[in-house]
PDB file of N, CA and C in Angstrom:
ATOM      1  N   MET A   1       4.665 -14.861  34.233  1.00  0.00           N
ATOM      2  CA  MET A   1       3.502 -13.556  34.745  1.00  0.00           C
ATOM      3  C   MET A   1       4.418 -12.153  33.822  1.00  0.00           C
ATOM      4  N   ILE A   2       2.854 -12.038  33.041  1.00  0.00           N
ATOM      5  CA  ILE A   2       3.729 -10.473  32.176  1.00  0.00           C
ATOM      6  C   ILE A   2       4.055  -9.374  33.502  1.00  0.00           C
ATOM      7  N   THR A   3       4.512  -8.500  33.683  1.00  0.00           N
ATOM      8  CA  THR A   3       4.275  -7.804  34.186  1.00  0.00           C
ATOM      9  C   THR A   3       4.023  -6.672  33.312  1.00  0.00           C
ATOM     10  N   GLU A   4       3.103  -5.003  34.314  1.00  0.00           N
ATOM     11  CA  GLU A   4       2.703  -3.993  34.148  1.00  0.00           C
ATOM     12  C   GLU A   4       3.065  -2.837  32.811  1.00  0.00           C
ATOM     13  N   GLN A   5       5.088  -3.703  32.842  1.00  0.00           N
ATOM     14  CA  GLN A   5       5.862  -2.808  32.340  1.00  0.00           C
ATOM     15  C   GLN A   5       6.280  -3.834  30.736  1.00  0.00           C
ATOM     16  N   ASP A   6       6.100  -5.012  31.276  1.00  0.00           N
ATOM     17  CA  ASP A   6       6.501  -6.031  29.865  1.00  0.00           C
ATOM     18  C   ASP A   6       5.167  -5.040  28.989  1.00  0.00           C
ATOM     19  N   ALA A   7       3.819  -5.057  29.606  1.00  0.00           N
ATOM     20  CA  ALA A   7       2.890  -5.273  28.704  1.00  0.00           C
ATOM     21  C   ALA A   7       2.886  -3.381  27.818  1.00  0.00           C
ATOM     22  N   ALA A   8       3.763  -3.068  29.022  1.00  0.00           N
ATOM     23  CA  ALA A   8       3.944  -1.482  27.913  1.00  0.00           C
ATOM     24  C   ALA A   8       4.219  -1.813  27.181  1.00  0.00           C
ATOM     25  N   LEU A   9       5.332  -2.142  27.111  1.00  0.00           N
ATOM     26  CA  LEU A   9       6.756  -2.569  26.360  1.00  0.00           C
ATOM     27  C   LEU A   9       6.228  -3.083  25.361  1.00  0.00           C
ATOM     28  N   GLN A  10       5.879  -4.013  25.345  1.00  0.00           N
ATOM     29  CA  GLN A  10       5.129  -4.778  24.391  1.00  0.00           C
ATOM     30  C   GLN A  10       4.380  -4.119  23.312  1.00  0.00           C
ATOM     31  N   VAL A  11       2.908  -2.804  24.012  1.00  0.00           N
ATOM     32  CA  VAL A  11       1.993  -2.354  23.234  1.00  0.00           C
ATOM     33  C   VAL A  11       2.787  -1.235  22.290  1.00  0.00           C
ATOM     34  N   THR A  12       3.637  -0.503  23.293  1.00  0.00           N
ATOM     35  CA  THR A  12       4.360   0.821  22.638  1.00  0.00           C
ATOM     36  C   THR A  12       5.233  -0.169  21.250  1.00  0.00           C
ATOM     37  N   GLN A  13       6.001  -1.017  21.783  1.00  0.00           N
ATOM     38  CA  GLN A  13       6.996  -1.304  20.415  1.00  0.00           C
ATOM     39  C   GLN A  13       6.089  -1.979  19.096  1.00  0.00           C
ATOM     40  N   LEU A  14       4.321  -2.438  19.243  1.00  0.00           N
ATOM     41  CA  LEU A  14       3.467  -2.746  18.713  1.00  0.00           C
ATOM     42  C   LEU A  14       3.612  -1.548  18.020  1.00  0.00           C
ATOM     43  N   LEU A  15       2.875  -0.317  18.493  1.00  0.00           N
ATOM     44  CA  LEU A  15       2.539   0.865  17.987  1.00  0.00           C
ATOM     45  C   LEU A  15       3.552   1.840  16.981  1.00  0.00           C
ATOM     46  N   TRP A  16       4.542   1.151  17.451  1.00  0.00           N
ATOM     47  CA  TRP A  16       6.208   1.832  16.546  1.00  0.00           C
ATOM     48  C   TRP A  16       6.133   1.401  15.256  1.00  0.00           C
ATOM     49  N   LYS A  17       5.805  -0.171  15.488  1.00  0.00           N
ATOM     50  CA  LYS A  17       5.826  -1.232  14.380  1.00  0.00           C
ATOM     51  C   LYS A  17       4.806  -0.741  13.172  1.00  0.00           C
ATOM     52  N   LEU A  18       2.905  -0.481  13.954  1.00  0.00           N
ATOM     53  CA  LEU A  18       2.594  -0.131  13.261  1.00  0.00           C
ATOM     54  C   LEU A  18       2.274   1.218  12.374  1.00  0.00           C
ATOM     55  N   GLU A  19       2.832   2.429  13.029  1.00  0.00           N
ATOM     56  CA  GLU A  19       2.946   3.614  12.913  1.00  0.00           C
ATOM     57  C   GLU A  19       4.688   3.849  12.095  1.00  0.00           C
ATOM     58  N   ASN A  20       5.825   3.103  12.007  1.00  0.00           N
ATOM     59  CA  ASN A  20       6.462   3.075  10.518  1.00  0.00           C
ATOM     60  C   ASN A  20       5.409   2.611   9.128  1.00  0.00           C
ATOM     61  N   GLU A  21       4.838   1.608   9.512  1.00  0.00           N
ATOM     62  CA  GLU A  21       4.424   0.712   8.231  1.00  0.00           C
ATOM     63  C   GLU A  21       3.405   1.265   7.972  1.00  0.00           C
ATOM     64  N   LEU A  22       2.729   2.235   8.335  1.00  0.00           N
ATOM     65  CA  LEU A  22       1.487   3.288   7.613  1.00  0.00           C
ATOM     66  C   LEU A  22       2.539   3.984   7.326  1.00  0.00           C
ATOM     67  N   ASP A  23       3.405   5.032   7.543  1.00  0.00           N
ATOM     68  CA  ASP A  23       4.087   6.156   6.860  1.00  0.00           C
ATOM     69  C   ASP A  23       4.837   5.221   5.474  1.00  0.00           C
ATOM     70  N   ALA A  24       5.140   3.867   5.592  1.00  0.00           N
ATOM     71  CA  ALA A  24       5.510   3.229   4.051  1.00  0.00           C
ATOM     72  C   ALA A  24       4.682   3.330   2.973  1.00  0.00           C
ATOM     73  N   ALA A  25       3.497   2.748   3.566  1.00  0.00           N
ATOM     74  CA  ALA A  25       1.843   2.322   2.962  1.00  0.00           C
ATOM     75  C   ALA A  25       1.817   3.779   2.462  1.00  0.00           C
ATOM     76  N   PHE A  26       1.974   4.766   3.198  1.00  0.00           N
ATOM     77  CA  PHE A  26       0.991   6.600   2.768  1.00  0.00           C
ATOM     78  C   PHE A  26       2.166   6.876   1.132  1.00  0.00           C
ATOM     79  N   SER A  27       3.717   6.840   2.581  1.00  0.00           N
ATOM     80  CA  SER A  27       4.527   6.524   0.774  1.00  0.00           C
ATOM     81  C   SER A  27       4.357   6.097  -0.524  1.00  0.00           C
ATOM     82  N   THR A  28       4.377   4.944  -0.306  1.00  0.00           N
ATOM     83  CA  THR A  28       3.801   3.811  -1.887  1.00  0.00           C
ATOM     84  C   THR A  28       2.051   4.381  -2.225  1.00  0.00           C
ATOM     85  N   VAL A  29       1.531   4.909  -1.291  1.00  0.00           N
ATOM     86  CA  VAL A  29       0.228   6.105  -2.217  1.00  0.00           C
ATOM     87  C   VAL A  29       0.713   6.891  -2.660  1.00  0.00           C
ATOM     88  N   GLY A  30       2.040   7.679  -2.546  1.00  0.00           N
ATOM     89  CA  GLY A  30       1.802   8.923  -2.969  1.00  0.00           C
ATOM     90  C   GLY A  30       2.255   8.427  -4.547  1.00  0.00           C
ATOM     91  N   GLU A  31       3.631   7.410  -4.594  1.00  0.00           N
ATOM     92  CA  GLU A  31       4.369   7.074  -5.691  1.00  0.00           C
ATOM     93  C   GLU A  31       3.626   6.696  -6.670  1.00  0.00           C
ATOM     94  N   LEU A  32       2.263   6.457  -6.136  1.00  0.00           N
ATOM     95  CA  LEU A  32       2.115   5.361  -6.907  1.00  0.00           C
ATOM     96  C   LEU A  32       0.674   6.893  -8.143  1.00  0.00           C
ATOM     97  N   ALA A  33       0.201   7.470  -6.597  1.00  0.00           N
ATOM     98  CA  ALA A  33      -0.838   8.359  -7.125  1.00  0.00           C
ATOM     99  C   ALA A  33       0.405   9.803  -7.994  1.00  0.00           C
ATOM    100  N   MET A  34       1.721   9.750  -8.183  1.00  0.00           N
ATOM    101  CA  MET A  34       2.686  10.697  -9.466  1.00  0.00           C
ATOM    102  C   MET A  34       2.346   9.339 -10.204  1.00  0.00           C
ATOM    103  N   ALA A  35       2.429   8.387 -10.534  1.00  0.00           N
ATOM    104  CA  ALA A  35       2.971   7.207 -11.828  1.00  0.00           C
ATOM    105  C   ALA A  35       2.012   7.420 -12.432  1.00  0.00           C
ATOM    106  N   LEU A  36       0.773   6.685 -11.975  1.00  0.00           N
ATOM    107  CA  LEU A  36      -0.082   6.301 -12.719  1.00  0.00           C
ATOM    108  C   LEU A  36      -0.247   7.178 -14.068  1.00  0.00           C
ATOM    109  N   PRO A  37      -0.816   8.534 -13.422  1.00  0.00           N
ATOM    110  CA  PRO A  37      -1.129   9.452 -14.147  1.00  0.00           C
ATOM    111  C   PRO A  37      -0.005  10.036 -15.519  1.00  0.00           C
ATOM    112  N   ARG A  38       1.358   9.634 -15.096  1.00  0.00           N
ATOM    113  CA  ARG A  38       2.890  10.093 -15.959  1.00  0.00           C
ATOM    114  C   ARG A  38       1.725   8.274 -17.066  1.00  0.00           C
ATOM    115  N   ALA A  39       2.134   7.448 -16.261  1.00  0.00           N
ATOM    116  CA  ALA A  39       1.683   6.387 -17.298  1.00  0.00           C
ATOM    117  C   ALA A  39       1.557   6.106 -18.217  1.00  0.00           C
ATOM    118  N   ARG A  40      -0.703   6.854 -17.569  1.00  0.00           N
ATOM    119  CA  ARG A  40      -1.184   6.891 -18.613  1.00  0.00           C
ATOM    120  C   ARG A  40      -1.087   7.706 -19.488  1.00  0.00           C
ATOM    121  N   ALA A  41      -0.563   8.930 -19.775  1.00  0.00           N
ATOM    122  CA  ALA A  41      -0.449  10.274 -20.430  1.00  0.00           C
ATOM    123  C   ALA A  41       0.872   8.722 -21.980  1.00  0.00           C
ATOM    124  N   GLU A  42       1.426   8.182 -21.025  1.00  0.00           N
ATOM    125  CA  GLU A  42       3.004   8.072 -22.191  1.00  0.00           C
ATOM    126  C   GLU A  42       1.864   6.623 -22.374  1.00  0.00           C
ATOM    127  N   ALA A  43       1.355   6.243 -22.398  1.00  0.00           N
ATOM    128  CA  ALA A  43       0.663   5.141 -22.891  1.00  0.00           C
ATOM    129  C   ALA A  43      -0.622   5.760 -24.035  1.00  0.00           C
ATOM    130  N   ARG A  44      -0.805   7.398 -23.597  1.00  0.00           N
ATOM    131  CA  ARG A  44      -1.937   7.550 -24.375  1.00  0.00           C
ATOM    132  C   ARG A  44      -3.180   6.411 -23.954  1.00  0.00           C
ATOM    133  N   LEU A  45      -3.754   6.762 -22.639  1.00  0.00           N
ATOM    134  CA  LEU A  45      -4.766   6.129 -21.768  1.00  0.00           C
ATOM    135  C   LEU A  45      -5.676   6.690 -21.265  1.00  0.00           C
ATOM    136  N   SER A  46      -7.133   7.133 -21.904  1.00  0.00           N
ATOM    137  CA  SER A  46      -8.050   7.192 -20.395  1.00  0.00           C
ATOM    138  C   SER A  46      -7.882   7.514 -18.648  1.00  0.00           C
ATOM    139  N   ALA A  47      -8.430   8.607 -19.004  1.00  0.00           N
ATOM    140  CA  ALA A  47      -8.359   9.298 -16.799  1.00  0.00           C
ATOM    141  C   ALA A  47      -8.445   7.952 -16.335  1.00  0.00           C
ATOM    142  N   VAL A  48      -9.180   7.176 -16.740  1.00  0.00           N
ATOM    143  CA  VAL A  48      -9.998   6.435 -15.970  1.00  0.00           C
ATOM    144  C   VAL A  48      -9.410   4.634 -15.481  1.00  0.00           C
ATOM    145  N   VAL A  49      -8.078   4.948 -16.754  1.00  0.00           N
ATOM    146  CA  VAL A  49      -7.640   3.179 -16.949  1.00  0.00           C
ATOM    147  C   VAL A  49      -6.921   3.656 -15.470  1.00  0.00           C
ATOM    148  N   GLY A  50      -6.708   2.727 -14.748  1.00  0.00           N
ATOM    149  CA  GLY A  50      -5.978   1.971 -13.617  1.00  0.00           C
ATOM    150  C   GLY A  50      -6.416   2.971 -12.132  1.00  0.00           C
ATOM    151  N   GLN A  51      -7.823   3.755 -12.398  1.00  0.00           N
ATOM    152  CA  GLN A  51      -8.413   4.410 -11.305  1.00  0.00           C
ATOM    153  C   GLN A  51      -8.894   3.557 -10.338  1.00  0.00           C
ATOM    154  N   HIS A  52      -8.937   2.903 -10.251  1.00  0.00           N
ATOM    155  CA  HIS A  52      -9.524   1.109  -9.570  1.00  0.00           C
ATOM    156  C   HIS A  52      -8.627   1.495  -8.632  1.00  0.00           C
ATOM    157  N   ALA A  53      -7.501   2.342  -8.553  1.00  0.00           N
ATOM    158  CA  ALA A  53      -6.400   1.597  -7.320  1.00  0.00           C
ATOM    159  C   ALA A  53      -6.620   2.273  -6.573  1.00  0.00           C
ATOM    160  N   PHE A  54      -7.134   3.139  -6.914  1.00  0.00           N
ATOM    161  CA  PHE A  54      -7.276   4.562  -5.242  1.00  0.00           C
ATOM    162  C   PHE A  54      -8.511   4.241  -4.767  1.00  0.00           C
ATOM    163  N   GLU A  55      -9.432   3.634  -5.637  1.00  0.00           N
ATOM    164  CA  GLU A  55     -10.933   3.578  -4.967  1.00  0.00           C
ATOM    165  C   GLU A  55     -10.572   1.767  -3.985  1.00  0.00           C
TER     166      GLU A  55
END
């Protein structure tokens, strides 16, 4: 049988894990937001190329 403290610890650990994974995902989105326009400019592509990645 799981105790209330054990359940709280499990939830806390999952919330911590989620927060870290969200931080990593937001960081990756930021990197993509910087890299995509630069790559389009270097390849002389239209601004709409790759835009679906943000949508």
